[in-house]
PDB file of N, CA and C in Angstrom:
ATOM      1  N   MET A   1      71.138 108.835 100.168  1.00  0.00           N
ATOM      2  CA  MET A   1      72.341 108.891 100.978  1.00  0.00           C
ATOM      3  C   MET A   1      72.055 108.229 102.314  1.00  0.00           C
ATOM      4  N   SER A   2      72.970 107.438 102.746  1.00  0.00           N
ATOM      5  CA  SER A   2      72.832 106.739 104.020  1.00  0.00           C
ATOM      6  C   SER A   2      73.743 107.385 105.054  1.00  0.00           C
ATOM      7  N   THR A   3      73.247 107.542 106.246  1.00  0.00           N
ATOM      8  CA  THR A   3      74.055 108.077 107.331  1.00  0.00           C
ATOM      9  C   THR A   3      74.020 107.098 108.480  1.00  0.00           C
ATOM     10  N   LYS A   4      75.182 106.709 108.945  1.00  0.00           N
ATOM     11  CA  LYS A   4      75.269 105.804 110.087  1.00  0.00           C
ATOM     12  C   LYS A   4      76.215 106.413 111.098  1.00  0.00           C
ATOM     13  N   LYS A   5      75.928 106.179 112.337  1.00  0.00           N
ATOM     14  CA  LYS A   5      76.831 106.612 113.395  1.00  0.00           C
ATOM     15  C   LYS A   5      77.283 105.373 114.136  1.00  0.00           C
ATOM     16  N   SER A   6      78.543 105.316 114.421  1.00  0.00           N
ATOM     17  CA  SER A   6      79.080 104.197 115.181  1.00  0.00           C
ATOM     18  C   SER A   6      79.635 104.726 116.488  1.00  0.00           C
ATOM     19  N   ARG A   7      79.033 104.331 117.576  1.00  0.00           N
ATOM     20  CA  ARG A   7      79.511 104.725 118.893  1.00  0.00           C
ATOM     21  C   ARG A   7      79.497 103.514 119.808  1.00  0.00           C
ATOM     22  N   PRO A   8      80.385 102.560 119.530  1.00  0.00           N
ATOM     23  CA  PRO A   8      80.487 101.437 120.461  1.00  0.00           C
ATOM     24  C   PRO A   8      80.851 101.939 121.851  1.00  0.00           C
ATOM     25  N   LYS A   9      80.670 101.118 122.842  1.00  0.00           N
ATOM     26  CA  LYS A   9      80.848 101.530 124.233  1.00  0.00           C
ATOM     27  C   LYS A   9      82.199 102.171 124.504  1.00  0.00           C
ATOM     28  N   ARG A  10      83.250 101.682 123.911  1.00  0.00           N
ATOM     29  CA  ARG A  10      84.591 102.172 124.249  1.00  0.00           C
ATOM     30  C   ARG A  10      85.215 103.013 123.149  1.00  0.00           C
ATOM     31  N   GLN A  11      84.494 103.301 122.100  1.00  0.00           N
ATOM     32  CA  GLN A  11      85.071 104.053 121.000  1.00  0.00           C
ATOM     33  C   GLN A  11      84.236 105.282 120.729  1.00  0.00           C
ATOM     34  N   GLU A  12      84.888 106.334 120.327  1.00  0.00           N
ATOM     35  CA  GLU A  12      84.203 107.579 120.005  1.00  0.00           C
ATOM     36  C   GLU A  12      84.613 108.018 118.609  1.00  0.00           C
ATOM     37  N   PHE A  13      83.963 107.460 117.629  1.00  0.00           N
ATOM     38  CA  PHE A  13      84.178 107.897 116.261  1.00  0.00           C
ATOM     39  C   PHE A  13      82.858 107.783 115.529  1.00  0.00           C
ATOM     40  N   GLU A  14      82.758 108.496 114.442  1.00  0.00           N
ATOM     41  CA  GLU A  14      81.569 108.438 113.616  1.00  0.00           C
ATOM     42  C   GLU A  14      82.000 108.187 112.188  1.00  0.00           C
ATOM     43  N   TYR A  15      81.120 107.561 111.429  1.00  0.00           N
ATOM     44  CA  TYR A  15      81.387 107.412 110.013  1.00  0.00           C
ATOM     45  C   TYR A  15      80.105 107.648 109.246  1.00  0.00           C
ATOM     46  N   ARG A  16      80.284 108.094 108.033  1.00  0.00           N
ATOM     47  CA  ARG A  16      79.161 108.368 107.162  1.00  0.00           C
ATOM     48  C   ARG A  16      79.402 107.640 105.843  1.00  0.00           C
ATOM     49  N   THR A  17      78.328 107.175 105.265  1.00  0.00           N
ATOM     50  CA  THR A  17      78.367 106.540 103.961  1.00  0.00           C
ATOM     51  C   THR A  17      77.505 107.366 103.021  1.00  0.00           C
ATOM     52  N   GLY A  18      78.019 107.667 101.843  1.00  0.00           N
ATOM     53  CA  GLY A  18      77.226 108.436 100.888  1.00  0.00           C
ATOM     54  C   GLY A  18      78.089 109.165  99.892  1.00  0.00           C
ATOM     55  N   GLN A  19      77.591 110.301  99.425  1.00  0.00           N
ATOM     56  CA  GLN A  19      78.298 111.061  98.400  1.00  0.00           C
ATOM     57  C   GLN A  19      78.909 112.348  98.932  1.00  0.00           C
ATOM     58  N   HIS A  20      78.623 112.730 100.122  1.00  0.00           N
ATOM     59  CA  HIS A  20      79.289 113.841 100.816  1.00  0.00           C
ATOM     60  C   HIS A  20      79.373 115.112  99.968  1.00  0.00           C
ATOM     61  N   SER A  21      78.275 115.458  99.318  1.00  0.00           N
ATOM     62  CA  SER A  21      78.180 116.679  98.496  1.00  0.00           C
ATOM     63  C   SER A  21      79.168 116.687  97.335  1.00  0.00           C
ATOM     64  N   SER A  22      79.534 115.514  96.843  1.00  0.00           N
ATOM     65  CA  SER A  22      80.483 115.457  95.725  1.00  0.00           C
ATOM     66  C   SER A  22      79.995 114.517  94.626  1.00  0.00           C
ATOM     67  N   GLN A  23      78.684 114.470  94.402  1.00  0.00           N
ATOM     68  CA  GLN A  23      78.113 113.560  93.421  1.00  0.00           C
ATOM     69  C   GLN A  23      78.681 113.749  92.016  1.00  0.00           C
ATOM     70  N   PRO A  24      78.862 114.977  91.504  1.00  0.00           N
ATOM     71  CA  PRO A  24      79.416 115.111  90.150  1.00  0.00           C
ATOM     72  C   PRO A  24      80.797 114.454  90.003  1.00  0.00           C
ATOM     73  N   LEU A  25      81.682 114.674  90.963  1.00  0.00           N
ATOM     74  CA  LEU A  25      83.009 114.064  90.898  1.00  0.00           C
ATOM     75  C   LEU A  25      82.912 112.547  91.002  1.00  0.00           C
ATOM     76  N   MET A  26      82.075 112.074  91.890  1.00  0.00           N
ATOM     77  CA  MET A  26      81.944 110.628  92.056  1.00  0.00           C
ATOM     78  C   MET A  26      81.369 109.985  90.801  1.00  0.00           C
ATOM     79  N   ASN A  27      80.461 110.681  90.113  1.00  0.00           N
ATOM     80  CA  ASN A  27      79.937 110.167  88.847  1.00  0.00           C
ATOM     81  C   ASN A  27      81.045 110.045  87.813  1.00  0.00           C
ATOM     82  N   VAL A  28      81.914 111.055  87.720  1.00  0.00           N
ATOM     83  CA  VAL A  28      83.035 111.018  86.777  1.00  0.00           C
ATOM     84  C   VAL A  28      83.973 109.865  87.115  1.00  0.00           C
ATOM     85  N   LEU A  29      84.225 109.656  88.404  1.00  0.00           N
ATOM     86  CA  LEU A  29      85.137 108.595  88.837  1.00  0.00           C
ATOM     87  C   LEU A  29      84.484 107.216  88.824  1.00  0.00           C
ATOM     88  N   GLY A  30      83.170 107.169  88.665  1.00  0.00           N
ATOM     89  CA  GLY A  30      82.465 105.890  88.668  1.00  0.00           C
ATOM     90  C   GLY A  30      82.370 105.263  90.048  1.00  0.00           C
ATOM     91  N   VAL A  31      82.343 106.104  91.067  1.00  0.00           N
ATOM     92  CA  VAL A  31      82.285 105.634  92.451  1.00  0.00           C
ATOM     93  C   VAL A  31      80.882 105.919  92.985  1.00  0.00           C
ATOM     94  N   PRO A  32      80.123 104.886  93.390  1.00  0.00           N
ATOM     95  CA  PRO A  32      78.751 105.127  93.844  1.00  0.00           C
ATOM     96  C   PRO A  32      78.654 105.792  95.211  1.00  0.00           C
ATOM     97  N   SER A  33      79.578 105.498  96.097  1.00  0.00           N
ATOM     98  CA  SER A  33      79.559 106.106  97.427  1.00  0.00           C
ATOM     99  C   SER A  33      80.911 105.891  98.096  1.00  0.00           C
ATOM    100  N   THR A  34      81.122 106.622  99.173  1.00  0.00           N
ATOM    101  CA  THR A  34      82.352 106.476  99.948  1.00  0.00           C
ATOM    102  C   THR A  34      82.002 106.413 101.423  1.00  0.00           C
ATOM    103  N   ASN A  35      82.971 106.061 102.213  1.00  0.00           N
ATOM    104  CA  ASN A  35      82.842 106.090 103.666  1.00  0.00           C
ATOM    105  C   ASN A  35      83.797 107.146 104.195  1.00  0.00           C
ATOM    106  N   ARG A  36      83.327 107.893 105.172  1.00  0.00           N
ATOM    107  CA  ARG A  36      84.150 108.946 105.761  1.00  0.00           C
ATOM    108  C   ARG A  36      84.126 108.790 107.275  1.00  0.00           C
ATOM    109  N   ALA A  37      85.303 108.743 107.859  1.00  0.00           N
ATOM    110  CA  ALA A  37      85.413 108.661 109.322  1.00  0.00           C
ATOM    111  C   ALA A  37      85.657 110.058 109.866  1.00  0.00           C
ATOM    112  N   SER A  38      85.059 110.344 110.997  1.00  0.00           N
ATOM    113  CA  SER A  38      85.225 111.649 111.635  1.00  0.00           C
ATOM    114  C   SER A  38      85.897 111.487 112.988  1.00  0.00           C
ATOM    115  N   PHE A  39      87.039 112.122 113.128  1.00  0.00           N
ATOM    116  CA  PHE A  39      87.776 112.153 114.384  1.00  0.00           C
ATOM    117  C   PHE A  39      87.929 113.607 114.790  1.00  0.00           C
ATOM    118  N   TRP A  40      88.293 113.852 116.026  1.00  0.00           N
ATOM    119  CA  TRP A  40      88.514 115.211 116.491  1.00  0.00           C
ATOM    120  C   TRP A  40      89.666 115.204 117.480  1.00  0.00           C
ATOM    121  N   ILE A  41      90.029 116.350 117.993  1.00  0.00           N
ATOM    122  CA  ILE A  41      91.221 116.462 118.833  1.00  0.00           C
ATOM    123  C   ILE A  41      91.134 115.642 120.111  1.00  0.00           C
ATOM    124  N   TYR A  42      89.945 115.301 120.545  1.00  0.00           N
ATOM    125  CA  TYR A  42      89.805 114.517 121.769  1.00  0.00           C
ATOM    126  C   TYR A  42      89.990 113.024 121.540  1.00  0.00           C
ATOM    127  N   ASN A  43      90.057 112.588 120.276  1.00  0.00           N
ATOM    128  CA  ASN A  43      90.244 111.167 120.009  1.00  0.00           C
ATOM    129  C   ASN A  43      91.666 110.741 120.333  1.00  0.00           C
ATOM    130  N   THR A  44      91.773 109.546 120.848  1.00  0.00           N
ATOM    131  CA  THR A  44      93.078 108.984 121.186  1.00  0.00           C
ATOM    132  C   THR A  44      93.588 108.121 120.036  1.00  0.00           C
ATOM    133  N   GLN A  45      94.859 107.811 120.088  1.00  0.00           N
ATOM    134  CA  GLN A  45      95.429 106.920 119.086  1.00  0.00           C
ATOM    135  C   GLN A  45      94.770 105.550 119.177  1.00  0.00           C
ATOM    136  N   GLU A  46      94.449 105.111 120.379  1.00  0.00           N
ATOM    137  CA  GLU A  46      93.789 103.820 120.556  1.00  0.00           C
ATOM    138  C   GLU A  46      92.431 103.798 119.853  1.00  0.00           C
ATOM    139  N   GLU A  47      91.694 104.910 119.911  1.00  0.00           N
ATOM    140  CA  GLU A  47      90.403 104.973 119.222  1.00  0.00           C
ATOM    141  C   GLU A  47      90.590 104.922 117.709  1.00  0.00           C
ATOM    142  N   ALA A  48      91.610 105.597 117.209  1.00  0.00           N
ATOM    143  CA  ALA A  48      91.891 105.550 115.776  1.00  0.00           C
ATOM    144  C   ALA A  48      92.263 104.135 115.356  1.00  0.00           C
ATOM    145  N   GLU A  49      93.086 103.471 116.136  1.00  0.00           N
ATOM    146  CA  GLU A  49      93.467 102.092 115.826  1.00  0.00           C
ATOM    147  C   GLU A  49      92.264 101.159 115.917  1.00  0.00           C
ATOM    148  N   SER A  50      91.378 101.420 116.861  1.00  0.00           N
ATOM    149  CA  SER A  50      90.162 100.627 116.986  1.00  0.00           C
ATOM    150  C   SER A  50      89.288 100.787 115.748  1.00  0.00           C
ATOM    151  N   PHE A  51      89.189 102.014 115.248  1.00  0.00           N
ATOM    152  CA  PHE A  51      88.414 102.237 114.035  1.00  0.00           C
ATOM    153  C   PHE A  51      89.025 101.482 112.862  1.00  0.00           C
ATOM    154  N   ILE A  52      90.334 101.546 112.719  1.00  0.00           N
ATOM    155  CA  ILE A  52      91.006 100.835 111.627  1.00  0.00           C
ATOM    156  C   ILE A  52      90.756  99.338 111.742  1.00  0.00           C
ATOM    157  N   SER A  53      90.816  98.817 112.943  1.00  0.00           N
ATOM    158  CA  SER A  53      90.532  97.401 113.163  1.00  0.00           C
ATOM    159  C   SER A  53      89.100  97.066 112.753  1.00  0.00           C
ATOM    160  N   HIS A  54      88.165  97.928 113.132  1.00  0.00           N
ATOM    161  CA  HIS A  54      86.763  97.720 112.769  1.00  0.00           C
ATOM    162  C   HIS A  54      86.586  97.781 111.255  1.00  0.00           C
ATOM    163  N   LEU A  55      87.248  98.729 110.598  1.00  0.00           N
ATOM    164  CA  LEU A  55      87.162  98.857 109.149  1.00  0.00           C
ATOM    165  C   LEU A  55      87.716  97.613 108.463  1.00  0.00           C
ATOM    166  N   ARG A  56      88.826  97.096 108.945  1.00  0.00           N
ATOM    167  CA  ARG A  56      89.379  95.855 108.376  1.00  0.00           C
ATOM    168  C   ARG A  56      88.387  94.707 108.525  1.00  0.00           C
ATOM    169  N   TYR A  57      87.752  94.633 109.680  1.00  0.00           N
ATOM    170  CA  TYR A  57      86.750  93.591 109.922  1.00  0.00           C
ATOM    171  C   TYR A  57      85.611  93.699 108.902  1.00  0.00           C
ATOM    172  N   VAL A  58      85.118  94.915 108.681  1.00  0.00           N
ATOM    173  CA  VAL A  58      84.020  95.118 107.739  1.00  0.00           C
ATOM    174  C   VAL A  58      84.462  94.772 106.322  1.00  0.00           C
ATOM    175  N   CYS A  59      85.664  95.172 105.933  1.00  0.00           N
ATOM    176  CA  CYS A  59      86.165  94.898 104.583  1.00  0.00           C
ATOM    177  C   CYS A  59      86.369  93.411 104.335  1.00  0.00           C
ATOM    178  N   ASP A  60      86.659  92.666 105.366  1.00  0.00           N
ATOM    179  CA  ASP A  60      86.870  91.227 105.220  1.00  0.00           C
ATOM    180  C   ASP A  60      85.567  90.453 105.071  1.00  0.00           C
ATOM    181  N   LYS A  61      84.449  91.081 105.352  1.00  0.00           N
ATOM    182  CA  LYS A  61      83.143  90.409 105.258  1.00  0.00           C
ATOM    183  C   LYS A  61      82.720  90.250 103.833  1.00  0.00           C
TER     184      LYS A  61
END
């Protein structure tokens, strides 16, 4: 399982890559891993939009 934290200078979000304690279900679905973003009540809409923008950038690679 891989764990990465993303904390760019102006953004406060974290994401994790892995199986998130759901390996049996992921095996049934044929999914090797997923990405999970973590936000909390202190996050702003701008930070959420920034994360989405970053995710689009990564997906386009």
